[in-house]
Amino acid sequence: MICMYMKQATEVRKEWSSYCDSIVHDKPQFVKRTRDKMCFSSFDTMLDILSVYVFHAERFYEEDGSITLSLIEIDLVENAKTEEETLQLMAKSILDYSLEYYENYKMYSNSPNRKSHVPYVLKTLLLGNEQEIGENIVCQNGKN
């Protein structure tokens, strides 16, 4: 069914500017180049698609009064004196991990234990700042 919406890459190259306008202002577009098939969309559309991907962290109250957060989707752990500080550290760790993942995308996306991180990495990169990333972390009490 999607084939009827698929445009050839040569056609897209000829009309690149209007094609980009269509992606941003109208809808995602599909392109075929030989055997390769691609989907192009705006950042806003991608964020809508990825909105179901939210980070979940288990919160642990340590004996020294500090807070530890353990991210469920990606194996990251942070500890600080307050939950706010710990959330900031976790958001930074998520961003750092996502940048490293993207820089080594071929390796990470083909690793069985990291393949499922792709939507979280893309969402993180689209959000682009620690504040918004932190707002996408849902904390729940863990069991000590």
C-alpha atoms as a PDB file:
ATOM      1  CA  MET A   1       0.000   0.000   0.000  1.00  0.00           C
ATOM      2  CA  ILE A   2       2.791   2.426   0.859  1.00  0.00           C
ATOM      3  CA  CYS A   3       4.290   1.960  -2.621  1.00  0.00           C
ATOM      4  CA  MET A   4       1.657   4.260  -4.087  1.00  0.00           C
ATOM      5  CA  TYR A   5       3.048   7.097  -1.915  1.00  0.00           C
ATOM      6  CA  MET A   6       6.712   6.288  -2.543  1.00  0.00           C
ATOM      7  CA  LYS A   7       8.635   8.856  -4.604  1.00  0.00           C
ATOM      8  CA  GLN A   8      11.795   8.111  -6.532  1.00  0.00           C
ATOM      9  CA  ALA A   9      14.980   9.741  -5.235  1.00  0.00           C
ATOM     10  CA  THR A  10      15.709  11.381  -8.602  1.00  0.00           C
ATOM     11  CA  GLU A  11      12.302  13.078  -8.511  1.00  0.00           C
ATOM     12  CA  VAL A  12      12.922  14.265  -4.942  1.00  0.00           C
ATOM     13  CA  ARG A  13      16.358  15.695  -5.809  1.00  0.00           C
ATOM     14  CA  LYS A  14      14.860  17.774  -8.620  1.00  0.00           C
ATOM     15  CA  GLU A  15      12.255  19.262  -6.283  1.00  0.00           C
ATOM     16  CA  TRP A  16      14.276  19.294  -3.052  1.00  0.00           C
ATOM     17  CA  SER A  17      13.049  22.638  -1.693  1.00  0.00           C
ATOM     18  CA  SER A  18       9.348  21.968  -2.242  1.00  0.00           C
ATOM     19  CA  TYR A  19       9.838  18.417  -0.981  1.00  0.00           C
ATOM     20  CA  CYS A  20      11.298  19.745   2.296  1.00  0.00           C
ATOM     21  CA  ASP A  21       8.454  22.257   2.602  1.00  0.00           C
ATOM     22  CA  SER A  22       5.963  19.439   2.149  1.00  0.00           C
ATOM     23  CA  ILE A  23       7.615  17.399   4.919  1.00  0.00           C
ATOM     24  CA  VAL A  24       7.623  20.288   7.387  1.00  0.00           C
ATOM     25  CA  HIS A  25       4.235  21.820   6.578  1.00  0.00           C
ATOM     26  CA  ASP A  26       2.169  18.912   5.273  1.00  0.00           C
ATOM     27  CA  LYS A  27       3.103  15.326   6.127  1.00  0.00           C
ATOM     28  CA  PRO A  28       5.912  12.760   6.223  1.00  0.00           C
ATOM     29  CA  GLN A  29       7.153  11.571   2.846  1.00  0.00           C
ATOM     30  CA  PHE A  30       8.439   8.242   1.551  1.00  0.00           C
ATOM     31  CA  VAL A  31      11.349   7.872  -0.863  1.00  0.00           C
ATOM     32  CA  LYS A  32      12.810   4.937  -2.737  1.00  0.00           C
ATOM     33  CA  ARG A  33      16.379   4.849  -4.018  1.00  0.00           C
ATOM     34  CA  THR A  34      17.086   1.588  -5.812  1.00  0.00           C
ATOM     35  CA  ARG A  35      16.264  -0.977  -3.080  1.00  0.00           C
ATOM     36  CA  ASP A  36      16.499   1.470  -0.161  1.00  0.00           C
ATOM     37  CA  LYS A  37      13.282   2.826   1.315  1.00  0.00           C
ATOM     38  CA  MET A  38      13.227   5.894   3.555  1.00  0.00           C
ATOM     39  CA  CYS A  39      10.758   7.964   5.504  1.00  0.00           C
ATOM     40  CA  PHE A  40      11.320  11.695   6.022  1.00  0.00           C
ATOM     41  CA  SER A  41       9.461  13.694   8.643  1.00  0.00           C
ATOM     42  CA  SER A  42       9.662  16.917  10.607  1.00  0.00           C
ATOM     43  CA  PHE A  43      11.027  17.037  14.164  1.00  0.00           C
ATOM     44  CA  ASP A  44       7.521  17.777  15.468  1.00  0.00           C
ATOM     45  CA  THR A  45       6.085  14.697  13.772  1.00  0.00           C
ATOM     46  CA  MET A  46       8.909  12.539  15.119  1.00  0.00           C
ATOM     47  CA  LEU A  47       8.352  13.878  18.635  1.00  0.00           C
ATOM     48  CA  ASP A  48       4.652  13.031  18.284  1.00  0.00           C
ATOM     49  CA  ILE A  49       5.531   9.497  17.153  1.00  0.00           C
ATOM     50  CA  LEU A  50       8.037   9.083  19.987  1.00  0.00           C
ATOM     51  CA  SER A  51       5.772  10.602  22.658  1.00  0.00           C
ATOM     52  CA  VAL A  52       4.911   7.115  23.957  1.00  0.00           C
ATOM     53  CA  TYR A  53       8.568   6.582  24.892  1.00  0.00           C
ATOM     54  CA  VAL A  54       8.997   7.913  28.417  1.00  0.00           C
ATOM     55  CA  PHE A  55      11.916   7.151  30.718  1.00  0.00           C
ATOM     56  CA  HIS A  56      11.116   5.321  33.952  1.00  0.00           C
ATOM     57  CA  ALA A  57      13.444   5.387  36.929  1.00  0.00           C
ATOM     58  CA  GLU A  58      13.343   3.582  40.226  1.00  0.00           C
ATOM     59  CA  ARG A  59      14.008   5.877  43.198  1.00  0.00           C
ATOM     60  CA  PHE A  60      15.987   4.614  46.177  1.00  0.00           C
ATOM     61  CA  TYR A  61      16.421   6.482  49.460  1.00  0.00           C
ATOM     62  CA  GLU A  62      19.927   5.746  50.697  1.00  0.00           C
ATOM     63  CA  GLU A  63      21.016   5.494  54.346  1.00  0.00           C
ATOM     64  CA  ASP A  64      23.118   8.652  53.993  1.00  0.00           C
ATOM     65  CA  GLY A  65      20.001  10.601  52.941  1.00  0.00           C
ATOM     66  CA  SER A  66      20.918  10.760  49.268  1.00  0.00           C
ATOM     67  CA  ILE A  67      18.693   9.682  46.386  1.00  0.00           C
ATOM     68  CA  THR A  68      19.645   7.101  43.770  1.00  0.00           C
ATOM     69  CA  LEU A  69      17.798   6.824  40.465  1.00  0.00           C
ATOM     70  CA  SER A  70      18.124   3.692  38.352  1.00  0.00           C
ATOM     71  CA  LEU A  71      16.831   4.075  34.797  1.00  0.00           C
ATOM     72  CA  ILE A  72      14.809   1.082  33.622  1.00  0.00           C
ATOM     73  CA  GLU A  73      15.024   1.449  29.820  1.00  0.00           C
ATOM     74  CA  ILE A  74      18.771   2.093  29.683  1.00  0.00           C
ATOM     75  CA  ASP A  75      21.242   0.849  32.280  1.00  0.00           C
ATOM     76  CA  LEU A  76      22.098   4.194  33.887  1.00  0.00           C
ATOM     77  CA  VAL A  77      22.313   4.992  37.609  1.00  0.00           C
ATOM     78  CA  GLU A  78      22.835   8.361  39.317  1.00  0.00           C
ATOM     79  CA  ASN A  79      23.071   9.452  42.952  1.00  0.00           C
ATOM     80  CA  ALA A  80      22.972  12.894  44.576  1.00  0.00           C
ATOM     81  CA  LYS A  81      21.856  14.646  47.758  1.00  0.00           C
ATOM     82  CA  THR A  82      18.427  15.650  46.421  1.00  0.00           C
ATOM     83  CA  GLU A  83      16.001  14.182  43.913  1.00  0.00           C
ATOM     84  CA  GLU A  84      16.228  17.343  41.804  1.00  0.00           C
ATOM     85  CA  GLU A  85      20.023  17.037  41.586  1.00  0.00           C
ATOM     86  CA  THR A  86      19.741  13.338  40.802  1.00  0.00           C
ATOM     87  CA  LEU A  87      17.221  14.038  38.027  1.00  0.00           C
ATOM     88  CA  GLN A  88      19.565  16.639  36.527  1.00  0.00           C
ATOM     89  CA  LEU A  89      22.451  14.167  36.604  1.00  0.00           C
ATOM     90  CA  MET A  90      20.267  11.466  35.043  1.00  0.00           C
ATOM     91  CA  ALA A  91      19.122  13.793  32.259  1.00  0.00           C
ATOM     92  CA  LYS A  92      22.766  14.646  31.512  1.00  0.00           C
ATOM     93  CA  SER A  93      23.694  10.948  31.518  1.00  0.00           C
ATOM     94  CA  ILE A  94      20.849  10.157  29.118  1.00  0.00           C
ATOM     95  CA  LEU A  95      21.988  12.944  26.788  1.00  0.00           C
ATOM     96  CA  ASP A  96      25.640  11.850  26.967  1.00  0.00           C
ATOM     97  CA  TYR A  97      24.677   8.238  26.298  1.00  0.00           C
ATOM     98  CA  SER A  98      22.453   9.260  23.373  1.00  0.00           C
ATOM     99  CA  LEU A  99      25.239  11.312  21.793  1.00  0.00           C
ATOM    100  CA  GLU A 100      27.668   8.405  22.135  1.00  0.00           C
ATOM    101  CA  TYR A 101      25.061   5.991  20.758  1.00  0.00           C
ATOM    102  CA  TYR A 102      24.415   8.225  17.743  1.00  0.00           C
ATOM    103  CA  GLU A 103      28.135   8.673  17.061  1.00  0.00           C
ATOM    104  CA  ASN A 104      28.495   4.866  17.083  1.00  0.00           C
ATOM    105  CA  TYR A 105      25.031   4.144  15.702  1.00  0.00           C
ATOM    106  CA  LYS A 106      25.897   1.190  13.499  1.00  0.00           C
ATOM    107  CA  MET A 107      27.554  -0.674  16.354  1.00  0.00           C
ATOM    108  CA  TYR A 108      24.985   0.142  19.062  1.00  0.00           C
ATOM    109  CA  SER A 109      21.865  -0.356  16.934  1.00  0.00           C
ATOM    110  CA  ASN A 110      23.108  -3.807  15.919  1.00  0.00           C
ATOM    111  CA  SER A 111      23.892  -4.876  19.493  1.00  0.00           C
ATOM    112  CA  PRO A 112      21.087  -7.127  20.803  1.00  0.00           C
ATOM    113  CA  ASN A 113      21.114  -5.523  24.260  1.00  0.00           C
ATOM    114  CA  ARG A 114      21.039  -1.947  22.910  1.00  0.00           C
ATOM    115  CA  LYS A 115      18.866  -2.166  19.804  1.00  0.00           C
ATOM    116  CA  SER A 116      15.742  -1.309  21.827  1.00  0.00           C
ATOM    117  CA  HIS A 117      17.348   1.991  22.890  1.00  0.00           C
ATOM    118  CA  VAL A 118      16.907   3.522  19.400  1.00  0.00           C
ATOM    119  CA  PRO A 119      13.581   5.323  20.051  1.00  0.00           C
ATOM    120  CA  TYR A 120      14.840   6.682  23.383  1.00  0.00           C
ATOM    121  CA  VAL A 121      18.057   7.916  21.775  1.00  0.00           C
ATOM    122  CA  LEU A 122      16.183   9.598  18.924  1.00  0.00           C
ATOM    123  CA  LYS A 123      13.727  11.218  21.318  1.00  0.00           C
ATOM    124  CA  THR A 124      16.585  12.472  23.495  1.00  0.00           C
ATOM    125  CA  LEU A 125      18.393  13.977  20.512  1.00  0.00           C
ATOM    126  CA  LEU A 126      15.206  15.649  19.292  1.00  0.00           C
ATOM    127  CA  LEU A 127      14.495  17.099  22.747  1.00  0.00           C
ATOM    128  CA  GLY A 128      18.092  18.263  22.797  1.00  0.00           C
ATOM    129  CA  ASN A 129      18.366  19.711  26.302  1.00  0.00           C
ATOM    130  CA  GLU A 130      18.642  18.329  29.797  1.00  0.00           C
ATOM    131  CA  GLN A 131      15.607  20.221  31.104  1.00  0.00           C
ATOM    132  CA  GLU A 132      13.194  18.606  28.625  1.00  0.00           C
ATOM    133  CA  ILE A 133      14.861  15.218  29.002  1.00  0.00           C
ATOM    134  CA  GLY A 134      14.412  15.459  32.785  1.00  0.00           C
ATOM    135  CA  GLU A 135      10.720  16.234  32.288  1.00  0.00           C
ATOM    136  CA  ASN A 136      10.437  12.901  30.436  1.00  0.00           C
ATOM    137  CA  ILE A 137      11.656  10.840  33.406  1.00  0.00           C
ATOM    138  CA  VAL A 138       8.930   9.266  35.540  1.00  0.00           C
ATOM    139  CA  CYS A 139      10.204   8.254  38.984  1.00  0.00           C
ATOM    140  CA  GLN A 140       8.719   5.512  41.124  1.00  0.00           C
ATOM    141  CA  ASN A 141       9.882   4.089  44.426  1.00  0.00           C
ATOM    142  CA  GLY A 142      12.169   1.088  44.102  1.00  0.00           C
ATOM    143  CA  LYS A 143      12.479  -1.754  46.584  1.00  0.00           C
ATOM    144  CA  ASN A 144      15.641  -1.801  48.688  1.00  0.00           C
END
